[in-house]
Amino acid sequence: MKVQVDSERCQGHTLCAMRAPATFELSEVDGHSSVINEDVPADQEDDVSEAAMSCPERAISIS
């Protein structure tokens, strides 16, 4: 599984980092999310899927 955050859509709600802190990091400036590593380990796939579903802006894509 690979994950990406659309920086244009992310509004810094921080829900992704709460659901999957090992995958997403937040900017100290504006709280916007970025991916630490786009290749998601198998044991973190459920957390990343939940994070994508919880994003109100639908800024997280999984492939």
Protein backbone atom coordinates (compact mmCIF):
# COMPACT_ATOMS: atom_id res chain seq x y z
CA MET A 1 0.00 0.00 0.00
CA LYS A 2 1.14 3.53 -0.81
CA VAL A 3 -0.27 6.72 0.68
CA GLN A 4 -0.12 10.36 -0.35
CA VAL A 5 -1.48 13.64 1.00
CA ASP A 6 -2.75 16.29 -1.39
CA SER A 7 -1.21 19.44 0.08
CA GLU A 8 -3.72 21.60 -1.79
CA ARG A 9 -6.67 19.89 -0.10
CA CYS A 10 -5.24 19.36 3.40
CA GLN A 11 -6.60 21.91 5.86
CA GLY A 12 -4.68 20.76 8.93
CA HIS A 13 -7.48 19.03 10.85
CA THR A 14 -4.81 16.64 12.28
CA LEU A 15 -7.12 13.60 12.31
CA CYS A 16 -4.75 11.55 10.15
CA ALA A 17 -1.86 11.97 12.58
CA MET A 18 -4.11 11.00 15.48
CA ARG A 19 -5.15 7.80 13.67
CA ALA A 20 -1.78 6.90 12.15
CA PRO A 21 1.04 8.79 13.87
CA ALA A 22 3.72 6.50 12.42
CA THR A 23 2.69 7.49 8.88
CA PHE A 24 1.72 11.16 9.03
CA GLU A 25 3.59 14.15 10.42
CA LEU A 26 2.21 17.63 10.94
CA SER A 27 3.79 20.92 10.03
CA GLU A 28 4.68 23.03 13.05
CA VAL A 29 3.79 26.11 11.02
CA ASP A 30 0.23 25.37 9.89
CA GLY A 31 -0.62 21.84 11.04
CA HIS A 32 -0.84 20.49 7.50
CA SER A 33 -0.04 16.84 7.09
CA SER A 34 2.64 15.13 5.08
CA VAL A 35 3.59 11.47 4.70
CA ILE A 36 6.67 10.23 6.53
CA ASN A 37 7.03 7.24 4.20
CA GLU A 38 4.64 6.64 1.30
CA ASP A 39 5.19 2.86 1.50
CA VAL A 40 2.94 1.73 4.33
CA PRO A 41 4.06 -1.33 6.31
CA ALA A 42 1.46 -4.12 6.42
CA ASP A 43 0.92 -3.72 10.17
CA GLN A 44 -0.07 -0.05 9.69
CA GLU A 45 -2.45 -0.44 6.74
CA ASP A 46 -5.61 -0.49 8.86
CA ASP A 47 -4.59 2.70 10.68
CA VAL A 48 -3.77 4.47 7.41
CA SER A 49 -7.08 3.38 5.87
CA GLU A 50 -8.93 4.77 8.90
CA ALA A 51 -6.96 8.00 8.61
CA ALA A 52 -7.93 8.37 4.96
CA MET A 53 -11.58 7.76 5.76
CA SER A 54 -11.50 10.25 8.65
CA CYS A 55 -10.08 13.11 6.57
CA PRO A 56 -12.89 15.67 6.11
CA GLU A 57 -11.15 17.14 3.05
CA ARG A 58 -10.47 13.74 1.41
CA ALA A 59 -6.86 14.83 1.02
CA ILE A 60 -5.40 11.34 1.58
CA SER A 61 -5.16 8.87 -1.29
CA ILE A 62 -4.24 5.20 -1.03
CA SER A 63 -3.07 2.96 -3.82
